[in-house]
N, C-alpha and C. Protein backbone atom coordinates (compact mmCIF):
# COMPACT_ATOMS: atom_id res chain seq x y z
N MET A 1 -6.50 -43.21 22.09
CA MET A 1 -6.75 -42.91 20.70
C MET A 1 -6.21 -44.04 19.82
N VAL A 2 -6.98 -44.45 18.93
CA VAL A 2 -6.61 -45.55 18.03
C VAL A 2 -5.56 -44.99 17.06
N PRO A 3 -4.45 -45.73 16.80
CA PRO A 3 -3.37 -45.23 15.94
C PRO A 3 -3.86 -44.74 14.57
N GLY A 4 -4.77 -45.40 13.96
CA GLY A 4 -5.29 -44.98 12.64
C GLY A 4 -6.03 -43.68 12.69
N MET A 5 -6.64 -43.37 13.84
CA MET A 5 -7.40 -42.12 13.95
C MET A 5 -6.47 -40.90 13.89
N PHE A 6 -5.29 -41.06 14.46
CA PHE A 6 -4.35 -39.95 14.44
C PHE A 6 -3.98 -39.59 13.00
N GLU A 7 -3.67 -40.59 12.20
CA GLU A 7 -3.32 -40.33 10.80
C GLU A 7 -4.51 -39.77 10.03
N GLN A 8 -5.69 -40.26 10.36
CA GLN A 8 -6.91 -39.76 9.69
C GLN A 8 -7.11 -38.29 10.02
N GLU A 9 -6.99 -37.94 11.31
CA GLU A 9 -7.17 -36.53 11.71
C GLU A 9 -6.09 -35.67 11.08
N LEU A 10 -4.87 -36.16 11.04
CA LEU A 10 -3.79 -35.43 10.43
C LEU A 10 -4.04 -35.19 8.92
N ALA A 11 -4.56 -36.23 8.25
CA ALA A 11 -4.88 -36.10 6.82
C ALA A 11 -6.00 -35.07 6.63
N GLN A 12 -6.99 -35.08 7.51
CA GLN A 12 -8.08 -34.11 7.42
C GLN A 12 -7.57 -32.68 7.63
N LEU A 13 -6.67 -32.53 8.62
CA LEU A 13 -6.10 -31.21 8.85
C LEU A 13 -5.27 -30.74 7.66
N GLU A 14 -4.53 -31.62 7.07
CA GLU A 14 -3.74 -31.28 5.89
C GLU A 14 -4.63 -30.86 4.74
N GLU A 15 -5.72 -31.60 4.56
CA GLU A 15 -6.67 -31.25 3.49
C GLU A 15 -7.28 -29.87 3.76
N ARG A 16 -7.60 -29.60 5.02
CA ARG A 16 -8.18 -28.29 5.37
C ARG A 16 -7.18 -27.20 5.15
N VAL A 17 -5.94 -27.41 5.51
CA VAL A 17 -4.89 -26.42 5.29
C VAL A 17 -4.75 -26.14 3.80
N GLN A 18 -4.79 -27.21 2.97
CA GLN A 18 -4.67 -27.04 1.52
C GLN A 18 -5.83 -26.21 0.97
N ARG A 19 -7.03 -26.49 1.47
CA ARG A 19 -8.21 -25.73 1.03
C ARG A 19 -8.11 -24.28 1.45
N LEU A 20 -7.65 -24.03 2.67
CA LEU A 20 -7.50 -22.65 3.14
C LEU A 20 -6.43 -21.90 2.34
N MET A 21 -5.34 -22.60 2.02
CA MET A 21 -4.29 -21.95 1.22
C MET A 21 -4.79 -21.63 -0.17
N ALA A 22 -5.58 -22.53 -0.77
CA ALA A 22 -6.16 -22.27 -2.10
C ALA A 22 -7.13 -21.10 -2.04
N ALA A 23 -7.92 -21.04 -1.00
CA ALA A 23 -8.88 -19.94 -0.84
C ALA A 23 -8.14 -18.62 -0.65
N TYR A 24 -7.06 -18.65 0.11
CA TYR A 24 -6.26 -17.43 0.32
C TYR A 24 -5.66 -16.94 -0.97
N GLN A 25 -5.11 -17.88 -1.76
CA GLN A 25 -4.53 -17.50 -3.05
C GLN A 25 -5.60 -16.93 -3.98
N GLN A 26 -6.77 -17.52 -3.96
CA GLN A 26 -7.88 -17.05 -4.80
C GLN A 26 -8.29 -15.63 -4.37
N ALA A 27 -8.36 -15.40 -3.07
CA ALA A 27 -8.73 -14.07 -2.56
C ALA A 27 -7.70 -13.04 -2.95
N ARG A 28 -6.43 -13.42 -2.89
CA ARG A 28 -5.35 -12.48 -3.31
C ARG A 28 -5.46 -12.15 -4.81
N LEU A 29 -5.75 -13.17 -5.60
CA LEU A 29 -5.91 -12.97 -7.05
C LEU A 29 -7.10 -12.04 -7.33
N GLU A 30 -8.20 -12.31 -6.66
CA GLU A 30 -9.40 -11.45 -6.85
C GLU A 30 -9.14 -10.04 -6.39
N ARG A 31 -8.39 -9.87 -5.31
CA ARG A 31 -8.06 -8.51 -4.82
C ARG A 31 -7.18 -7.79 -5.86
N ARG A 32 -6.21 -8.51 -6.39
CA ARG A 32 -5.32 -7.91 -7.40
C ARG A 32 -6.13 -7.47 -8.63
N ARG A 33 -7.03 -8.33 -9.06
CA ARG A 33 -7.90 -7.98 -10.20
C ARG A 33 -8.80 -6.79 -9.88
N ALA A 34 -9.34 -6.77 -8.67
CA ALA A 34 -10.18 -5.62 -8.27
C ALA A 34 -9.40 -4.34 -8.27
N LEU A 35 -8.16 -4.39 -7.77
CA LEU A 35 -7.34 -3.17 -7.74
C LEU A 35 -6.99 -2.74 -9.17
N GLN A 36 -6.73 -3.68 -10.03
CA GLN A 36 -6.43 -3.33 -11.45
C GLN A 36 -7.66 -2.69 -12.10
N GLU A 37 -8.83 -3.24 -11.82
CA GLU A 37 -10.06 -2.69 -12.37
C GLU A 37 -10.31 -1.29 -11.81
N ARG A 38 -10.06 -1.12 -10.52
CA ARG A 38 -10.23 0.21 -9.91
C ARG A 38 -9.29 1.22 -10.58
N ASP A 39 -8.06 0.83 -10.78
CA ASP A 39 -7.10 1.73 -11.42
C ASP A 39 -7.52 2.07 -12.86
N ARG A 40 -8.02 1.07 -13.56
CA ARG A 40 -8.50 1.31 -14.94
C ARG A 40 -9.67 2.29 -14.94
N LEU A 41 -10.61 2.08 -14.02
CA LEU A 41 -11.76 2.97 -13.96
C LEU A 41 -11.38 4.40 -13.50
N LEU A 42 -10.43 4.50 -12.61
CA LEU A 42 -9.94 5.83 -12.22
C LEU A 42 -9.28 6.56 -13.39
N ALA A 43 -8.56 5.83 -14.21
CA ALA A 43 -7.93 6.44 -15.39
C ALA A 43 -9.00 6.89 -16.38
N ILE A 44 -10.02 6.06 -16.59
CA ILE A 44 -11.11 6.45 -17.47
C ILE A 44 -11.82 7.67 -16.93
N ASN A 45 -12.07 7.69 -15.64
CA ASN A 45 -12.73 8.81 -15.00
C ASN A 45 -11.93 10.10 -15.18
N ALA A 46 -10.63 10.02 -15.04
CA ALA A 46 -9.78 11.19 -15.20
C ALA A 46 -9.84 11.70 -16.64
N GLU A 47 -9.82 10.76 -17.58
CA GLU A 47 -9.90 11.14 -19.01
C GLU A 47 -11.24 11.80 -19.32
N LEU A 48 -12.32 11.23 -18.80
CA LEU A 48 -13.62 11.83 -19.05
C LEU A 48 -13.72 13.21 -18.42
N ARG A 49 -13.16 13.36 -17.23
CA ARG A 49 -13.18 14.65 -16.55
C ARG A 49 -12.45 15.72 -17.40
N LYS A 50 -11.30 15.34 -17.94
CA LYS A 50 -10.55 16.26 -18.83
C LYS A 50 -11.39 16.65 -20.04
N ARG A 51 -12.02 15.65 -20.66
CA ARG A 51 -12.82 15.94 -21.85
C ARG A 51 -13.99 16.84 -21.51
N ILE A 52 -14.67 16.58 -20.41
CA ILE A 52 -15.81 17.43 -19.99
C ILE A 52 -15.31 18.86 -19.73
N GLU A 53 -14.20 18.97 -19.03
CA GLU A 53 -13.67 20.32 -18.76
C GLU A 53 -13.35 21.03 -20.05
N GLY A 54 -12.82 20.28 -21.06
CA GLY A 54 -12.54 20.90 -22.38
C GLY A 54 -13.81 21.37 -23.03
N VAL A 55 -14.87 20.58 -22.96
CA VAL A 55 -16.16 20.97 -23.59
C VAL A 55 -16.68 22.22 -22.88
N ILE A 56 -16.63 22.23 -21.58
CA ILE A 56 -17.12 23.40 -20.81
C ILE A 56 -16.33 24.64 -21.18
N GLU A 57 -15.03 24.50 -21.30
CA GLU A 57 -14.20 25.62 -21.68
C GLU A 57 -14.56 26.16 -23.07
N ARG A 58 -14.81 25.25 -24.00
CA ARG A 58 -15.21 25.67 -25.35
C ARG A 58 -16.56 26.39 -25.32
N ILE A 59 -17.48 25.88 -24.52
CA ILE A 59 -18.81 26.53 -24.40
C ILE A 59 -18.63 27.93 -23.81
N ARG A 60 -17.82 28.08 -22.78
CA ARG A 60 -17.58 29.40 -22.19
C ARG A 60 -16.98 30.35 -23.21
N THR A 61 -16.03 29.83 -24.01
CA THR A 61 -15.41 30.67 -25.02
C THR A 61 -16.45 31.12 -26.04
N LEU A 62 -17.33 30.22 -26.47
CA LEU A 62 -18.35 30.57 -27.42
C LEU A 62 -19.35 31.58 -26.83
N GLU A 63 -19.71 31.38 -25.55
CA GLU A 63 -20.61 32.31 -24.89
C GLU A 63 -20.00 33.74 -24.79
N GLU A 64 -18.70 33.75 -24.49
CA GLU A 64 -18.02 35.05 -24.37
C GLU A 64 -17.95 35.73 -25.73
N GLN A 65 -17.83 34.98 -26.83
CA GLN A 65 -17.76 35.56 -28.16
C GLN A 65 -19.15 36.14 -28.53
N ASP A 66 -20.21 35.54 -28.02
CA ASP A 66 -21.55 36.02 -28.35
C ASP A 66 -21.91 37.28 -27.61
N THR A 67 -21.27 37.60 -26.51
CA THR A 67 -21.63 38.77 -25.74
C THR A 67 -20.89 40.00 -26.15
């Protein structure tokens, strides 16, 4: 193996490791954002469910008053 080839291969491996680390960090960031969005949507869903249940309860109360 030519001495310069070893350094070149080592530099290529280092560059690949750097790209993989950057991709890993990006994936972690995207996962964190996705989890935050999921939590936000779950909270909205829970709030909407409460509001719908409240409307249904009011409708039932009105129906009972009419009978």
